[in-house]
Protein backbone atom coordinates (compact mmCIF):
# COMPACT_ATOMS: atom_id res chain seq x y z
CA UNK A 1 -1.51 32.22 -17.16
CA UNK A 2 -2.40 29.76 -14.41
CA UNK A 3 -4.19 26.77 -15.89
CA UNK A 4 -5.32 25.20 -12.60
CA UNK A 5 -6.76 27.36 -9.84
CA UNK A 6 -8.22 26.73 -6.40
CA UNK A 7 -11.23 29.01 -6.81
CA UNK A 8 -13.13 28.60 -3.56
CA UNK A 9 -13.02 26.79 -0.25
CA UNK A 10 -15.91 26.52 2.22
CA UNK A 11 -15.27 25.52 5.83
CA UNK A 12 -17.96 24.47 8.31
CA UNK A 13 -17.65 23.56 12.00
CA UNK A 14 -13.85 23.39 11.97
CA UNK A 15 -12.13 24.81 15.05
CA UNK A 16 -13.19 28.40 15.58
CA UNK A 17 -14.80 28.53 12.14
CA UNK A 18 -18.56 28.08 12.19
CA UNK A 19 -19.30 28.54 8.49
CA UNK A 20 -16.99 30.52 6.26
CA UNK A 21 -16.11 30.68 2.59
CA UNK A 22 -12.87 31.84 0.98
CA UNK A 23 -13.11 32.99 -2.61
CA UNK A 24 -9.66 32.83 -4.14
CA UNK A 25 -8.25 33.97 -7.45
CA UNK A 26 -5.13 33.56 -9.59
CA UNK A 27 -2.07 35.45 -8.45
CA UNK A 28 -1.09 36.28 -4.89
CA UNK A 29 -3.72 36.09 -2.12
CA UNK A 30 -2.81 37.15 1.43
CA UNK A 31 -4.86 35.93 4.40
CA UNK A 32 -4.50 38.01 7.56
CA UNK A 33 -6.32 38.53 10.85
CA UNK A 34 -5.72 39.00 14.52
CA UNK A 35 -4.01 36.27 16.52
CA UNK A 36 -6.46 33.47 17.24
CA UNK A 37 -8.89 34.59 14.56
CA UNK A 38 -8.59 31.30 12.70
CA UNK A 39 -6.08 32.04 9.93
CA UNK A 40 -4.32 28.74 10.52
CA UNK A 41 -7.62 26.93 10.02
CA UNK A 42 -7.28 27.87 6.36
CA UNK A 43 -4.14 25.76 6.12
CA UNK A 44 -5.65 23.00 8.25
CA UNK A 45 -8.75 22.96 6.05
CA UNK A 46 -6.76 22.66 2.85
CA UNK A 47 -4.69 19.91 4.43
CA UNK A 48 -7.88 17.94 5.17
CA UNK A 49 -9.23 18.61 1.71
CA UNK A 50 -6.07 17.12 0.24
CA UNK A 51 -6.01 13.89 2.23
CA UNK A 52 -4.43 15.01 5.52
CA UNK A 53 -4.94 13.05 8.72
CA UNK A 54 -8.42 13.43 10.22
CA UNK A 55 -8.62 14.49 13.86
CA UNK A 56 -11.91 14.57 15.76
CA UNK A 57 -10.46 17.34 17.95
CA UNK A 58 -10.73 19.68 14.95
CA UNK A 59 -14.53 19.42 14.93
CA UNK A 60 -16.17 22.48 16.47
CA UNK A 61 -17.62 21.82 19.93
CA UNK A 62 -21.31 20.90 19.65
CA UNK A 63 -21.12 20.03 15.93
CA UNK A 64 -21.66 16.54 14.54
CA UNK A 65 -19.02 16.90 11.85
CA UNK A 66 -16.60 19.30 10.21
CA UNK A 67 -16.89 19.75 6.45
CA UNK A 68 -14.40 21.27 4.02
CA UNK A 69 -15.35 21.75 0.38
CA UNK A 70 -13.23 23.07 -2.44
CA UNK A 71 -13.72 23.99 -6.08
CA UNK A 72 -10.75 23.67 -8.42
CA UNK A 73 -10.67 24.85 -12.03
CA UNK A 74 -8.85 22.26 -14.14
CA UNK A 75 -8.17 21.91 -17.86
CA UNK A 76 -9.33 18.51 -19.22
CA UNK A 77 -5.75 17.37 -19.91
CA UNK A 78 -4.49 18.12 -16.39
CA UNK A 79 -3.05 15.02 -14.63
CA UNK A 80 -5.37 15.63 -11.65
CA UNK A 81 -8.39 15.73 -13.99
CA UNK A 82 -7.42 12.44 -15.61
CA UNK A 83 -6.82 10.76 -12.25
CA UNK A 84 -10.16 11.98 -10.90
CA UNK A 85 -12.02 10.74 -13.98
CA UNK A 86 -10.34 7.34 -13.67
CA UNK A 87 -11.86 7.14 -10.19
CA UNK A 88 -15.31 7.86 -11.62
CA UNK A 89 -15.46 11.58 -10.76
CA UNK A 90 -17.02 14.13 -13.09
CA UNK A 91 -15.85 17.64 -13.93
CA UNK A 92 -18.55 20.29 -14.04
CA UNK A 93 -17.66 22.82 -16.77
CA UNK A 94 -13.97 22.32 -16.11
CA UNK A 95 -14.37 22.49 -12.33
CA UNK A 96 -13.63 19.67 -9.92
CA UNK A 97 -15.46 19.62 -6.60
CA UNK A 98 -13.61 18.17 -3.59
CA UNK A 99 -15.12 17.44 -0.19
CA UNK A 100 -13.89 16.03 3.11
CA UNK A 101 -16.04 15.29 6.16
CA UNK A 102 -14.71 14.47 9.63
CA UNK A 103 -17.25 13.35 12.24
CA UNK A 104 -17.04 14.17 15.93
CA UNK A 105 -16.22 10.45 16.44
CA UNK A 106 -13.23 10.73 14.10
CA UNK A 107 -14.72 8.98 11.05
CA UNK A 108 -13.71 10.47 7.73
CA UNK A 109 -15.29 10.53 4.27
CA UNK A 110 -14.10 11.97 0.97
CA UNK A 111 -15.87 12.94 -2.24
CA UNK A 112 -14.38 13.93 -5.59
CA UNK A 113 -16.55 15.14 -8.43
CA UNK A 114 -19.71 14.01 -6.63
CA UNK A 115 -18.41 10.48 -6.09
CA UNK A 116 -17.41 8.87 -2.79
CA UNK A 117 -13.73 7.94 -2.97
CA UNK A 118 -10.95 6.69 -0.65
CA UNK A 119 -9.22 9.50 1.22
CA UNK A 120 -5.99 8.36 -0.43
CA UNK A 121 -7.23 9.70 -3.76
CA UNK A 122 -7.27 13.22 -2.33
CA UNK A 123 -3.64 12.79 -1.32
CA UNK A 124 -2.79 11.64 -4.87
CA UNK A 125 -4.46 14.71 -6.35
CA UNK A 126 -2.54 16.93 -3.95
CA UNK A 127 0.76 16.19 -5.68
CA UNK A 128 -0.57 17.68 -8.91
CA UNK A 129 -2.54 20.56 -7.39
CA UNK A 130 -1.05 22.20 -4.31
CA UNK A 131 2.24 22.54 -2.45
CA UNK A 132 1.51 23.27 1.23
CA UNK A 133 4.22 24.75 3.43
CA UNK A 134 3.93 25.54 7.10
CA UNK A 135 6.00 25.43 10.25
CA UNK A 136 6.05 21.62 10.23
CA UNK A 137 7.37 21.65 6.68
CA UNK A 138 10.21 23.96 7.79
CA UNK A 139 11.09 21.51 10.52
CA UNK A 140 10.97 18.70 7.98
CA UNK A 141 13.49 20.56 5.83
CA UNK A 142 15.95 20.25 8.70
CA UNK A 143 16.13 16.47 8.32
CA UNK A 144 18.83 15.14 5.97
CA UNK A 145 16.39 12.59 4.53
CA UNK A 146 14.04 15.39 3.45
CA UNK A 147 16.97 17.33 2.03
CA UNK A 148 17.97 14.30 -0.03
CA UNK A 149 14.38 13.98 -1.26
CA UNK A 150 14.39 17.68 -2.19
CA UNK A 151 17.63 17.30 -4.13
CA UNK A 152 16.37 14.19 -5.93
CA UNK A 153 13.12 15.95 -6.78
CA UNK A 154 15.04 18.88 -8.23
CA UNK A 155 17.34 16.60 -10.23
CA UNK A 156 14.33 15.00 -11.92
CA UNK A 157 14.81 12.14 -14.38
CA UNK A 158 18.60 12.33 -14.11
CA UNK A 159 18.26 10.84 -10.61
CA UNK A 160 14.81 9.24 -10.55
CA UNK A 161 15.60 6.78 -13.36
CA UNK A 162 18.84 5.69 -11.71
CA UNK A 163 17.16 5.55 -8.31
CA UNK A 164 14.43 3.24 -9.62
CA UNK A 165 16.99 0.89 -11.16
CA UNK A 166 19.12 1.06 -8.02
CA UNK A 167 16.10 0.30 -5.81
CA UNK A 168 15.30 -2.89 -7.74
CA UNK A 169 18.89 -4.11 -7.40
CA UNK A 170 19.03 -3.11 -3.74
CA UNK A 171 15.88 -5.09 -2.87
CA UNK A 172 17.23 -8.13 -4.72
CA UNK A 173 20.56 -7.84 -2.89
CA UNK A 174 18.75 -7.68 0.47
CA UNK A 175 16.77 -10.79 -0.44
CA UNK A 176 19.91 -12.69 -1.47
CA UNK A 177 21.76 -11.51 1.61
CA UNK A 178 18.89 -12.54 3.91
CA UNK A 179 18.71 -16.01 2.36
CA UNK A 180 22.47 -16.45 2.60
CA UNK A 181 22.42 -15.37 6.24
CA UNK A 182 19.56 -17.73 7.01
CA UNK A 183 21.36 -20.70 5.47
CA UNK A 184 24.74 -20.06 7.05
CA UNK A 185 23.48 -19.20 10.54
CA UNK A 186 21.11 -22.17 10.75
CA UNK A 187 23.52 -24.90 9.65
CA UNK A 188 22.88 -27.09 12.72
CA UNK A 189 19.11 -26.72 12.57
CA UNK A 190 19.05 -27.46 8.84
CA UNK A 191 21.27 -30.55 9.33
CA UNK A 192 18.93 -31.87 12.03
CA UNK A 193 15.95 -31.25 9.78
CA UNK A 194 17.69 -33.08 6.93
CA UNK A 195 18.41 -36.12 9.15
CA UNK A 196 14.77 -36.32 10.25
CA UNK A 197 13.47 -36.04 6.72
CA UNK A 198 15.99 -38.55 5.39
CA UNK A 199 14.94 -41.13 8.01
CA UNK A 200 11.29 -40.71 7.11
CA UNK A 201 11.83 -40.83 3.37
CA UNK A 202 14.02 -43.95 3.71
CA UNK A 203 11.45 -45.67 5.96
CA UNK A 204 8.66 -45.03 3.49
CA UNK A 205 10.81 -46.01 0.54
CA UNK A 206 11.72 -49.32 2.20
CA UNK A 207 8.06 -50.15 2.78
CA UNK A 208 7.15 -49.32 -0.83
CA UNK A 209 3.51 -48.48 -0.08
CA UNK A 210 1.05 -48.13 -2.96
CA UNK A 211 -1.74 -45.58 -3.11
CA UNK A 212 -4.94 -47.09 -1.67
CA UNK A 213 -3.13 -50.22 -0.49
CA UNK A 214 -4.25 -49.78 3.12
CA UNK A 215 -7.91 -49.72 2.09
CA UNK A 216 -7.56 -52.81 -0.11
CA UNK A 217 -5.75 -54.77 2.63
CA UNK A 218 -8.39 -53.86 5.20
CA UNK A 219 -11.09 -55.32 2.95
CA UNK A 220 -9.05 -58.49 2.29
CA UNK A 221 -8.38 -59.00 6.02
CA UNK A 222 -12.10 -58.68 6.73
CA UNK A 223 -12.87 -61.33 4.07
CA UNK A 224 -10.17 -63.79 5.19
CA UNK A 225 -11.12 -63.48 8.84
CA UNK A 226 -14.73 -64.57 8.11
CA UNK A 227 -14.07 -67.10 5.32
CA UNK A 228 -16.06 -69.97 6.89
CA UNK A 229 -19.11 -67.85 7.57
CA UNK A 230 -18.95 -66.44 4.03
CA UNK A 231 -18.68 -69.94 2.49
CA UNK A 232 -21.61 -71.26 4.49
CA UNK A 233 -23.77 -68.28 3.60
CA UNK A 234 -22.93 -68.65 -0.12
CA UNK A 235 -23.74 -72.38 -0.12
CA UNK A 236 -27.07 -71.89 1.65
CA UNK A 237 -28.07 -69.11 -0.73
CA UNK A 238 -27.06 -71.20 -3.77
CA UNK A 239 -29.21 -74.12 -2.57
CA UNK A 240 -32.19 -71.84 -2.08
CA UNK A 241 -31.87 -70.50 -5.61
CA UNK A 242 -30.78 -73.58 -7.61
CA UNK A 243 -31.79 -76.52 -5.37
CA UNK A 244 -29.89 -79.09 -3.37
CA UNK A 245 -28.69 -82.11 -5.42
CA UNK A 246 -29.19 -84.29 -2.35
CA UNK A 247 -32.93 -83.47 -2.36
CA UNK A 248 -34.22 -83.81 -5.95
CA UNK A 249 -37.81 -83.26 -4.85
CA UNK A 250 -37.02 -80.06 -2.88
CA UNK A 251 -38.39 -76.73 -3.98
CA UNK A 252 -36.03 -73.92 -5.03
CA UNK A 253 -36.51 -70.39 -6.22
CA UNK A 254 -35.67 -71.14 -9.85
CA UNK A 255 -38.25 -73.95 -10.03
CA UNK A 256 -40.97 -71.83 -8.46
CA UNK A 257 -40.30 -68.86 -10.80
CA UNK A 258 -40.25 -71.16 -13.82
CA UNK A 259 -43.64 -72.62 -12.77
CA UNK A 260 -45.10 -69.14 -12.36
CA UNK A 261 -43.85 -68.10 -15.80
CA UNK A 262 -45.39 -71.20 -17.44
CA UNK A 263 -48.73 -70.43 -15.81
CA UNK A 264 -48.73 -66.93 -17.27
CA UNK A 265 -47.49 -67.97 -20.71
CA UNK A 266 -50.65 -70.07 -21.20
CA UNK A 267 -52.87 -67.00 -20.99
CA UNK A 268 -50.62 -64.09 -22.05
CA UNK A 269 -52.13 -63.85 -25.50
CA UNK A 270 -55.38 -62.54 -24.01
CA UNK A 271 -53.97 -59.48 -22.19
CA UNK A 272 -50.85 -57.40 -22.93
CA UNK A 273 -50.54 -56.49 -19.25
CA UNK A 274 -50.30 -60.15 -18.29
CA UNK A 275 -47.82 -60.72 -21.08
CA UNK A 276 -45.61 -57.97 -19.68
CA UNK A 277 -45.67 -59.61 -16.27
CA UNK A 278 -44.72 -62.94 -17.85
CA UNK A 279 -41.74 -61.26 -19.55
CA UNK A 280 -40.62 -59.77 -16.27
CA UNK A 281 -40.75 -63.25 -14.66
CA UNK A 282 -38.51 -64.43 -17.49
CA UNK A 283 -36.02 -61.73 -16.60
CA UNK A 284 -36.20 -62.77 -12.95
CA UNK A 285 -35.49 -66.36 -13.93
CA UNK A 286 -32.40 -65.33 -15.88
CA UNK A 287 -31.17 -63.11 -13.02
CA UNK A 288 -31.66 -65.92 -10.47
CA UNK A 289 -29.65 -68.25 -12.70
CA UNK A 290 -26.80 -65.71 -12.94
CA UNK A 291 -26.73 -65.11 -9.16
CA UNK A 292 -26.81 -68.83 -8.47
CA UNK A 293 -23.85 -69.37 -10.82
CA UNK A 294 -21.82 -66.56 -9.22
CA UNK A 295 -22.54 -67.91 -5.73
CA UNK A 296 -21.20 -71.30 -6.79
CA UNK A 297 -18.02 -69.66 -8.17
CA UNK A 298 -17.68 -67.44 -5.06
CA UNK A 299 -17.67 -70.44 -2.77
CA UNK A 300 -15.11 -72.23 -4.93
CA UNK A 301 -12.76 -69.20 -5.06
CA UNK A 302 -13.00 -68.28 -1.38
CA UNK A 303 -9.53 -68.56 0.15
CA UNK A 304 -9.48 -69.48 3.83
CA UNK A 305 -5.66 -69.74 3.96
CA UNK A 306 -4.53 -68.65 7.49
CA UNK A 307 -1.00 -67.96 6.18
CA UNK A 308 -2.37 -65.38 3.76
CA UNK A 309 -4.35 -63.79 6.58
CA UNK A 310 -1.20 -63.56 8.70
CA UNK A 311 0.71 -61.95 5.82
CA UNK A 312 -2.06 -59.40 5.28
CA UNK A 313 -2.15 -58.43 8.95
CA UNK A 314 1.61 -58.09 9.03
CA UNK A 315 1.54 -55.77 6.00
CA UNK A 316 -1.26 -53.72 7.56
CA UNK A 317 0.80 -53.29 10.72
CA UNK A 318 3.70 -51.96 8.63
CA UNK A 319 1.45 -49.47 6.88
CA UNK A 320 -0.17 -48.44 10.18
CA UNK A 321 3.28 -47.56 11.49
CA UNK A 322 3.71 -45.19 8.53
CA UNK A 323 0.30 -43.53 8.92
CA UNK A 324 0.94 -42.94 12.62
CA UNK A 325 4.03 -40.89 11.74
CA UNK A 326 3.47 -39.33 8.35
CA UNK A 327 -0.23 -39.05 7.45
CA UNK A 328 -3.76 -40.15 8.11
CA UNK A 329 -3.67 -42.67 5.23
CA UNK A 330 -1.20 -44.04 2.69
CA UNK A 331 -2.10 -41.37 0.15
CA UNK A 332 -1.12 -38.69 2.69
CA UNK A 333 2.05 -40.63 3.56
CA UNK A 334 3.09 -40.69 -0.10
CA UNK A 335 2.41 -36.92 -0.38
CA UNK A 336 4.57 -36.30 2.71
CA UNK A 337 7.36 -38.38 1.18
CA UNK A 338 7.23 -36.38 -2.06
CA UNK A 339 7.31 -33.01 -0.27
CA UNK A 340 10.03 -34.14 2.11
CA UNK A 341 12.18 -35.44 -0.74
CA UNK A 342 12.03 -32.02 -2.38
CA UNK A 343 12.88 -30.28 0.89
CA UNK A 344 15.68 -32.78 1.56
CA UNK A 345 17.16 -32.07 -1.88
CA UNK A 346 17.09 -28.37 -1.00
CA UNK A 347 18.79 -28.91 2.35
CA UNK A 348 21.37 -31.30 0.93
CA UNK A 349 22.14 -28.71 -1.72
CA UNK A 350 23.06 -26.03 0.86
CA UNK A 351 26.70 -26.00 -0.16
CA UNK A 352 25.78 -25.51 -3.82
CA UNK A 353 23.16 -22.91 -2.88
CA UNK A 354 25.61 -21.01 -0.70
CA UNK A 355 28.01 -20.88 -3.64
CA UNK A 356 25.26 -19.64 -5.98
CA UNK A 357 24.05 -17.01 -3.53
CA UNK A 358 27.56 -15.81 -2.80
CA UNK A 359 28.27 -15.40 -6.49
CA UNK A 360 24.97 -13.56 -7.02
CA UNK A 361 25.61 -11.33 -4.01
CA UNK A 362 29.02 -10.36 -5.34
CA UNK A 363 27.59 -9.67 -8.79
CA UNK A 364 24.78 -7.54 -7.34
CA UNK A 365 27.22 -5.62 -5.16
CA UNK A 366 29.35 -4.83 -8.18
CA UNK A 367 26.34 -3.67 -10.20
CA UNK A 368 25.02 -1.73 -7.23
CA UNK A 369 28.38 -0.07 -6.77
CA UNK A 370 28.37 1.14 -10.38
CA UNK A 371 24.81 2.48 -10.04
CA UNK A 372 25.59 4.10 -6.68
CA UNK A 373 28.56 5.89 -8.22
CA UNK A 374 26.44 7.13 -11.13
CA UNK A 375 23.75 8.21 -8.67
CA UNK A 376 26.30 10.14 -6.63
CA UNK A 377 27.60 11.87 -9.76
CA UNK A 378 24.07 12.83 -10.82
CA UNK A 379 23.33 14.19 -7.36
CA UNK A 380 26.57 16.16 -7.24
CA UNK A 381 25.79 17.78 -10.59
CA UNK A 382 22.22 18.60 -9.50
CA UNK A 383 23.43 19.80 -6.08
CA UNK A 384 25.68 22.43 -7.65
CA UNK A 385 22.84 23.76 -9.80
CA UNK A 386 20.32 23.59 -6.95
CA UNK A 387 22.66 25.33 -4.48
CA UNK A 388 23.49 28.08 -6.99
CA UNK A 389 19.80 28.66 -7.71
CA UNK A 390 18.85 28.79 -4.00
CA UNK A 391 21.78 31.12 -3.28
CA UNK A 392 20.60 33.43 -6.06
CA UNK A 393 17.09 33.42 -4.59
CA UNK A 394 18.42 34.26 -1.13
CA UNK A 395 20.16 37.28 -2.60
CA UNK A 396 16.69 38.47 -3.62
CA UNK A 397 15.43 37.80 -0.09
CA UNK A 398 17.72 40.24 1.70
CA UNK A 399 20.46 37.65 2.24
CA UNK A 400 22.90 38.90 -0.44
CA UNK A 401 25.99 37.35 1.12
CA UNK A 402 24.49 33.98 2.05
CA UNK A 403 25.92 30.91 0.38
CA UNK A 404 24.07 27.59 0.17
CA UNK A 405 25.89 24.37 -0.61
CA UNK A 406 25.12 20.68 -0.42
CA UNK A 407 27.32 18.31 1.49
CA UNK A 408 27.37 14.77 0.06
CA UNK A 409 29.20 12.06 1.91
CA UNK A 410 29.14 8.28 2.00
CA UNK A 411 26.79 6.86 4.62
CA UNK A 412 28.04 4.47 7.27
CA UNK A 413 24.64 2.91 7.95
CA UNK A 414 23.36 0.33 5.51
CA UNK A 415 20.07 -0.06 7.37
CA UNK A 416 20.72 -3.65 8.29
CA UNK A 417 22.44 -4.75 5.07
CA UNK A 418 25.73 -6.36 5.98
CA UNK A 419 28.65 -5.46 3.77
CA UNK A 420 31.81 -7.48 4.30
CA UNK A 421 34.48 -4.83 3.94
CA UNK A 422 32.22 -1.98 5.19
CA UNK A 423 33.95 0.37 2.76
CA UNK A 424 30.62 1.08 1.07
CA UNK A 425 27.33 0.96 2.91
CA UNK A 426 24.48 0.43 0.49
CA UNK A 427 21.23 2.00 1.61
CA UNK A 428 17.81 2.00 -0.07
CA UNK A 429 18.52 5.38 -1.70
CA UNK A 430 22.16 4.94 -2.61
CA UNK A 431 25.33 5.54 -0.63
CA UNK A 432 24.92 9.28 -0.21
CA UNK A 433 24.05 11.24 2.87
CA UNK A 434 22.85 14.67 1.75
CA UNK A 435 22.92 17.77 3.94
CA UNK A 436 21.98 21.34 3.09
CA UNK A 437 24.61 23.77 4.37
CA UNK A 438 24.34 27.51 4.88
CA UNK A 439 27.01 30.17 5.28
CA UNK A 440 24.93 33.28 6.11
CA UNK A 441 27.77 35.75 5.53
CA UNK A 442 31.29 35.87 4.10
CA UNK A 443 33.85 34.16 6.27
CA UNK A 444 31.25 31.99 7.99
CA UNK A 445 31.91 28.27 7.87
CA UNK A 446 29.06 26.40 6.10
CA UNK A 447 26.92 24.66 8.70
CA UNK A 448 23.82 22.44 8.50
CA UNK A 449 20.78 24.72 8.27
CA UNK A 450 19.42 23.05 11.41
CA UNK A 451 22.35 24.57 13.31
CA UNK A 452 23.40 27.55 11.24
CA UNK A 453 20.09 29.24 10.34
CA UNK A 454 17.92 31.46 12.51
CA UNK A 455 14.15 31.26 12.30
CA UNK A 456 13.97 34.09 9.79
CA UNK A 457 16.81 32.68 7.73
CA UNK A 458 15.21 29.24 7.72
CA UNK A 459 11.93 30.74 6.48
CA UNK A 460 13.73 32.44 3.62
CA UNK A 461 15.75 29.32 2.78
CA UNK A 462 12.52 27.33 2.57
CA UNK A 463 10.91 29.99 0.37
CA UNK A 464 13.98 30.07 -1.84
CA UNK A 465 13.91 26.29 -2.18
CA UNK A 466 10.23 26.41 -3.15
CA UNK A 467 10.79 29.15 -5.71
CA UNK A 468 13.57 27.07 -7.27
CA UNK A 469 11.22 24.06 -7.33
CA UNK A 470 8.57 26.24 -8.99
CA UNK A 471 10.91 26.65 -11.93
CA UNK A 472 11.97 23.00 -12.11
CA UNK A 473 8.82 21.09 -11.09
CA UNK A 474 5.92 23.54 -10.74
CA UNK A 475 2.50 22.92 -9.20
CA UNK A 476 -0.51 25.16 -9.87
CA UNK A 477 -1.02 26.39 -6.29
CA UNK A 478 1.27 27.17 -3.37
CA UNK A 479 -0.01 27.68 0.16
CA UNK A 480 2.40 29.17 2.69
CA UNK A 481 1.60 29.37 6.40
CA UNK A 482 3.81 31.77 8.35
CA UNK A 483 6.54 31.55 5.71
CA UNK A 484 7.65 34.93 7.05
CA UNK A 485 8.16 33.71 10.62
CA UNK A 486 11.12 35.46 12.21
CA UNK A 487 11.39 37.89 9.30
CA UNK A 488 10.97 41.64 9.56
CA UNK A 489 11.92 44.97 8.04
CA UNK A 490 13.58 44.92 4.66
CA UNK A 491 13.72 41.12 4.62
CA UNK A 492 9.92 40.99 4.95
CA UNK A 493 9.58 43.32 1.96
CA UNK A 494 11.86 41.04 -0.07
CA UNK A 495 9.80 37.99 0.96
CA UNK A 496 6.65 39.77 -0.22
CA UNK A 497 8.30 40.73 -3.50
CA UNK A 498 9.50 37.15 -4.11
CA UNK A 499 6.05 35.72 -3.37
CA UNK A 500 4.59 38.18 -5.86
CA UNK A 501 7.18 37.02 -8.40
CA UNK A 502 6.22 33.39 -7.79
CA UNK A 503 2.55 34.36 -8.25
CA UNK A 504 3.30 35.41 -11.83
CA UNK A 505 3.41 31.72 -12.81
CA UNK A 506 1.32 30.07 -10.08
CA UNK A 507 -1.48 30.71 -7.65
CA UNK A 508 0.00 31.71 -4.28
CA UNK A 509 -1.95 31.83 -1.01
CA UNK A 510 -0.07 33.13 2.03
CA UNK A 511 -1.23 33.21 5.65
CA UNK A 512 0.81 36.06 7.11
CA UNK A 513 1.09 38.48 10.00
CA UNK A 514 3.43 40.88 8.20
CA UNK A 515 2.02 43.95 6.44
CA UNK A 516 5.14 44.12 4.28
CA UNK A 517 4.17 40.74 2.81
CA UNK A 518 0.42 41.35 2.62
CA UNK A 519 1.00 44.62 0.74
CA UNK A 520 2.29 42.71 -2.28
CA UNK A 521 -0.86 40.56 -2.56
CA UNK A 522 -3.22 40.88 -5.53
CA UNK A 523 -6.09 39.92 -3.22
CA UNK A 524 -6.25 40.51 0.53
CA UNK A 525 -8.57 38.43 2.75
CA UNK A 526 -9.09 39.10 6.46
CA UNK A 527 -10.44 36.52 8.90
CA UNK A 528 -12.56 38.25 11.56
CA UNK A 529 -14.15 36.70 14.65
CA UNK A 530 -17.63 37.58 15.86
CA UNK A 531 -18.35 38.57 19.45
CA UNK A 532 -18.95 34.93 20.43
CA UNK A 533 -15.46 33.93 19.24
CA UNK A 534 -16.51 32.16 16.06
CA UNK A 535 -15.85 32.86 12.41
CA UNK A 536 -19.01 32.99 10.31
CA UNK A 537 -19.65 33.30 6.59
CA UNK A 538 -19.27 37.04 6.84
CA UNK A 539 -16.07 36.64 8.83
CA UNK A 540 -13.85 36.28 5.76
CA UNK A 541 -13.77 39.66 4.09
CA UNK A 542 -12.08 40.98 0.98
CA UNK A 543 -10.04 44.07 1.76
CA UNK A 544 -9.97 46.72 -0.93
CA UNK A 545 -9.20 50.44 -1.06
CA UNK A 546 -9.60 52.19 2.28
CA UNK A 547 -10.40 48.94 4.10
CA UNK A 548 -7.11 47.42 3.01
CA UNK A 549 -5.22 50.48 4.23
CA UNK A 550 -6.91 50.13 7.62
CA UNK A 551 -6.03 46.45 7.86
CA UNK A 552 -2.38 47.10 7.01
CA UNK A 553 -2.40 49.92 9.59
CA UNK A 554 -3.70 47.52 12.21
CA UNK A 555 -0.97 45.03 11.30
CA UNK A 556 1.66 47.76 11.53
CA UNK A 557 0.62 49.53 14.72
CA UNK A 558 -2.04 47.36 16.34
CA UNK A 559 -4.66 50.02 15.55
CA UNK A 560 -6.32 51.15 12.37
CA UNK A 561 -6.74 54.87 13.20
CA UNK A 562 -3.08 55.80 13.52
CA UNK A 563 -2.19 58.44 10.97
CA UNK A 564 1.44 57.39 11.03
CA UNK A 565 0.50 53.74 10.48
CA UNK A 566 -1.88 54.71 7.65
CA UNK A 567 0.85 56.68 5.96
CA UNK A 568 3.22 53.74 6.28
CA UNK A 569 0.52 51.36 4.95
CA UNK A 570 -0.07 53.54 1.91
CA UNK A 571 3.65 53.73 1.35
CA UNK A 572 3.89 49.92 1.45
CA UNK A 573 1.08 49.58 -1.09
CA UNK A 574 2.64 52.15 -3.39
CA UNK A 575 6.03 50.44 -3.17
CA UNK A 576 4.44 47.02 -3.87
CA UNK A 577 2.58 48.39 -6.92
CA UNK A 578 5.81 49.89 -8.16
CA UNK A 579 7.57 46.53 -7.75
CA UNK A 580 9.26 47.30 -4.44
């Protein structure tokens, strides 16, 4: 029983499709139609709905935007349901609504459960919902990197746990190796930098500057340079406040304020306001006395020593030399000295650091070597099981004598990571280069599938791989586009039978041009163009009974009124119902 099902997909203004809806169901659904009718748009639409790259060229000419909407039935505990709810989406009676819009200008928007989300969320949901396979996926299977990924995926935790641990060590080793290379290859530059820093730190240390000293010396120089004017001003002000002893009869501020206070004291009892003013004059008298006293002391303490002024200016010149080189003021100079001392200690410790890094590199290499060996062993064990399973599937796909094996060998490219003895090249995924090999018949030498498989054989190998994955790491829905490319006759019948077998445990949607495949489908959809070359809502039709026989006849003979083709179509349907 399939727990997650893609129930419906609606497509608007995408390629040749004007407005069409595909109602899907559990089991095996075949999508057929004449060449150019828009069958491939089904795959393209689902790719967009699941976070594929947006392309403005897909938008139907004259339309403002292309829209793809999908409805997926999900149980509440499904990983995709939990991830969608974490993003704020809502399930409607166990159904999750997905939507993707691509404007004619190329802008893209995504919605999940009625909430606007990043397109990346659709791609995350894809991993738990649908496995899409088309011609590009077949080409991807030809690359050794993809074959290694396929093997690792099949191996599951036996490899993924080791690979995660290996990856952490590998990244640390790269970091250590890069630092070691940087230190050893820049010895001259680092020595020159150390000499420059050492000179600066020594110069500052010899001067022994104090924080804020330059500001204090500037103020002192200003005072010493105007000592006579300051003394004269202080004396004049003191005389005005406290009087001049040489002129006993002269008026001064203190005497005048005291007289004013006495005048008010005589009448203060009659008005509180006047009393308050008298008190304030008392305060003024006290303040004038204090200022007069401080002026007298200021004049006595004022130092007009020219030797001190010369010493201050000399010190200021020394500090100015530092601020010209190392900072805008002495505080900045001291900060530079502190930072440079730390950097100098680092540079002077290069020999020690090289020793530490070398020891760590050797330790990491040893640990990495152990993990790489364990990873290779885990892959070899999984490769035997994977190859046996795929070989068994190929026997069911009219390739009874084909033999699939995995070739594992040590890589000779460490992707930039230098290894001294070069006997083991550590890469980000281990030391293994994985290649899927195929011997299509007895006596044939196993060759890479990129070189040893025909188009039809490659299609069946890919289908076999996916069927094996379905048992080891299933997803709810599989979409195959032209999985039967290059296949015909009995092999096509076997492909149809195997897809039907896969549909017993998953939802399978297949875009096909082969009647032998379509005959095995539980549900048969046909994409039909209108006279103007577009596909409308009524252009996706469910074929049942006599209509399905006519469609299979058309696929067989290019016409739906051929008695011979009809007989063959009915025979195909009968054979499919009987299990082949």
